[in-house]
Each structure stands twice: as C-alpha cells, then as structure tokens.
Amino acid sequence: MRGFTLIEIFISVAVIVVIVLVVAGGLSSFRRSAELNQAVDGVVSQLREARHRTIESKDASQWGVHVESSRTTLFKGVSFPEGTDKEVFTLPSAVTAAGPADIVFKRISGDTDNAGIVTLTLGANTKAINIRSSGLIELQ
C-alpha cells in the first residue's frame, strides 16, 4: 500500500499549525518592539534637537519639549503655550508617554531645571529616557 493514512495527515497539519502560531507570535512581539523603539527614537530626537537649538541660541530663544500621553511637541520659548514654532511627533497608536510635562533647556549651557524620566509604554514593555539636570539625554 502506498500513500498516507488519515492520522499521518492530521499529525502533519497539527505540526504545521504549531509552527505557524509560534512564528506569528514572534512577529507580533517584533512589531510591538519596533513600534516602541520608533517612539523612543522620535522622542530622543526631539529632546536632542531642543537642546541643540537652545545651545546654539537659534532665534535667540530657549527651546523645549512638551510631553503628552500620545505625542510630544518641540517648541520655542520658556513654556509650552507661549511658543509659536512647534513641531509635533505623534507616538504610534498603542504607545503612551509619561514624565515631566515640559522639558526646557537653558541657553548657552543646555542645562535644564526639568530633569526627570520620560517613560514610553507599549503593553508590558517600557523604555525610559533619562534627562539629567546637565541636559544630557540617555536611555535607561
């Protein structure tokens, strides 16, 4: 007799289903991790740009970043509503941010009185961005 029995076919299908589920779960985890990393890169980029513009005294002004749960905003001025130049970075839909509301850098030195930690969360994954009083920005 040649061919496959019904039990052999069921076992083969079950093995394929298990493999597909494992791969799909890994891809989902990878996608979430990539979204969180994208958010971290965007927020860090805005913080560094605000500090850079302040140190170089662009437009003879201080620059800062306003943090909300779904976005961050690079702004010119000493407080968020005051500035007219604004650049918004919208976080990926499932990522939320928390931390100091406004991080404003001081001219010439790049220091800040708003040192603290900005946390970005996606599900159970969290990444922290530490803003030191010296203005240095680092990932934890």
Protein backbone atom coordinates (compact mmCIF):
# COMPACT_ATOMS: atom_id res chain seq x y z
CA MET A 1 0.00 0.00 0.00
CA ARG A 2 1.18 3.47 -0.87
CA GLY A 3 0.02 6.84 0.43
CA PHE A 4 -0.60 8.49 3.76
CA THR A 5 -3.04 7.47 6.43
CA LEU A 6 -5.53 9.91 7.87
CA ILE A 7 -3.62 10.01 11.19
CA GLU A 8 -0.36 10.93 9.42
CA ILE A 9 -2.10 13.80 7.63
CA PHE A 10 -3.65 15.09 10.90
CA ILE A 11 -0.26 14.97 12.67
CA SER A 12 1.40 16.83 9.78
CA VAL A 13 -1.30 19.53 9.82
CA ALA A 14 -1.02 19.88 13.61
CA VAL A 15 2.77 20.34 13.39
CA ILE A 16 2.34 22.99 10.67
CA VAL A 17 -0.28 24.84 12.76
CA VAL A 18 2.03 24.88 15.80
CA ILE A 19 4.92 26.23 13.72
CA VAL A 20 2.70 28.97 12.21
CA LEU A 21 1.44 30.02 15.66
CA VAL A 22 4.98 30.25 17.07
CA VAL A 23 6.19 32.33 14.10
CA ALA A 24 3.11 34.61 14.22
CA GLY A 25 3.62 35.23 17.95
CA GLY A 26 7.26 36.13 17.37
CA LEU A 27 6.37 38.53 14.55
CA SER A 28 3.77 40.24 16.72
CA SER A 29 6.31 40.71 19.50
CA PHE A 30 8.85 42.02 17.00
CA ARG A 31 6.31 44.55 15.64
CA ARG A 32 5.49 45.84 19.14
CA SER A 33 9.18 46.15 19.94
CA ALA A 34 9.79 48.05 16.69
CA GLU A 35 6.91 50.46 17.45
CA LEU A 36 8.30 51.17 20.92
CA ASN A 37 11.81 51.71 19.54
CA GLN A 38 10.40 54.08 16.89
CA ALA A 39 8.68 56.09 19.61
CA VAL A 40 11.85 56.24 21.73
CA ASP A 41 13.90 57.39 18.72
CA GLY A 42 11.39 60.14 17.93
CA VAL A 43 11.23 61.48 21.49
CA VAL A 44 15.01 61.35 21.97
CA SER A 45 15.46 63.11 18.64
CA GLN A 46 13.13 65.93 19.70
CA LEU A 47 14.85 66.31 23.08
CA ARG A 48 18.29 66.46 21.49
CA GLU A 49 17.08 68.90 18.84
CA ALA A 50 15.59 71.20 21.50
CA ARG A 51 18.85 71.16 23.47
CA HIS A 52 20.90 71.75 20.30
CA ARG A 53 18.75 74.71 19.22
CA THR A 54 18.98 76.19 22.71
CA ILE A 55 22.77 75.85 22.95
CA GLU A 56 23.26 77.46 19.55
CA SER A 57 20.75 80.17 20.60
CA LYS A 58 18.63 79.65 17.50
CA ASP A 59 16.27 82.61 17.17
CA ALA A 60 17.80 83.95 20.41
CA SER A 61 15.48 81.70 22.36
CA GLN A 62 15.22 78.70 24.62
CA TRP A 63 13.67 75.51 23.24
CA GLY A 64 11.83 72.70 24.94
CA VAL A 65 9.73 69.58 24.52
CA HIS A 66 6.18 69.24 25.81
CA VAL A 67 5.21 65.65 26.72
CA GLU A 68 1.64 64.38 26.42
CA SER A 69 0.41 60.79 26.57
CA SER A 70 0.04 60.44 22.78
CA ARG A 71 2.57 62.94 21.40
CA THR A 72 5.50 65.20 22.10
CA THR A 73 5.93 68.74 20.82
CA LEU A 74 9.18 70.61 20.20
CA PHE A 75 8.54 74.28 20.94
CA LYS A 76 10.31 77.63 21.10
CA GLY A 77 10.06 79.63 24.32
CA VAL A 78 10.25 79.11 28.06
CA SER A 79 6.83 77.45 28.35
CA PHE A 80 4.69 75.37 26.02
CA PRO A 81 1.72 77.62 25.23
CA GLU A 82 3.97 80.64 24.71
CA GLY A 83 5.97 79.41 21.72
CA THR A 84 4.74 79.75 18.17
CA ASP A 85 7.26 77.44 16.49
CA LYS A 86 6.05 73.91 17.17
CA GLU A 87 6.94 70.51 15.74
CA VAL A 88 4.70 67.62 16.78
CA PHE A 89 5.80 63.98 16.97
CA THR A 90 2.80 61.65 17.25
CA LEU A 91 3.52 58.41 19.05
CA PRO A 92 2.43 55.13 17.47
CA SER A 93 -1.18 54.43 18.47
CA ALA A 94 -0.54 51.91 21.25
CA VAL A 95 2.43 53.73 22.82
CA THR A 96 1.86 56.10 25.75
CA ALA A 97 4.27 58.61 27.27
CA ALA A 98 4.59 59.93 30.80
CA GLY A 99 7.07 62.21 32.51
CA PRO A 100 7.78 65.90 33.08
CA ALA A 101 5.21 67.95 31.15
CA ASP A 102 7.75 70.46 29.80
CA ILE A 103 11.50 69.99 29.45
CA VAL A 104 13.06 73.37 28.65
CA PHE A 105 16.79 73.81 28.13
CA LYS A 106 18.83 76.84 29.22
CA ARG A 107 20.66 78.95 26.68
CA ILE A 108 24.41 78.51 26.29
CA SER A 109 24.79 75.67 28.83
CA GLY A 110 21.96 73.36 27.69
CA ASP A 111 21.12 72.58 31.33
CA THR A 112 17.53 72.07 32.43
CA ASP A 113 15.55 72.59 35.62
CA ASN A 114 13.13 69.90 34.40
CA ALA A 115 15.31 66.84 34.85
CA GLY A 116 13.46 63.57 35.09
CA ILE A 117 12.48 60.41 33.32
CA VAL A 118 10.15 60.14 30.34
CA THR A 119 8.71 56.64 30.13
CA LEU A 120 7.24 55.17 26.98
CA THR A 121 4.98 52.16 27.41
CA LEU A 122 3.54 49.63 24.99
CA GLY A 123 1.65 46.87 26.74
CA ALA A 124 4.01 45.27 29.25
CA ASN A 125 7.11 46.81 27.64
CA THR A 126 8.53 50.06 28.96
CA LYS A 127 11.51 52.15 27.94
CA ALA A 128 12.85 55.08 29.95
CA ILE A 129 14.59 58.23 28.73
CA ASN A 130 16.59 59.96 31.44
CA ILE A 131 17.03 63.75 31.17
CA ARG A 132 19.76 64.89 33.53
CA SER A 133 19.95 68.39 35.00
CA SER A 134 23.03 68.90 32.81
CA GLY A 135 20.72 68.42 29.81
CA LEU A 136 22.24 65.13 28.78
CA ILE A 137 19.74 62.62 27.44
CA GLU A 138 20.27 58.90 27.84
CA LEU A 139 18.32 55.67 27.54
CA GLN A 140 17.98 53.51 30.61
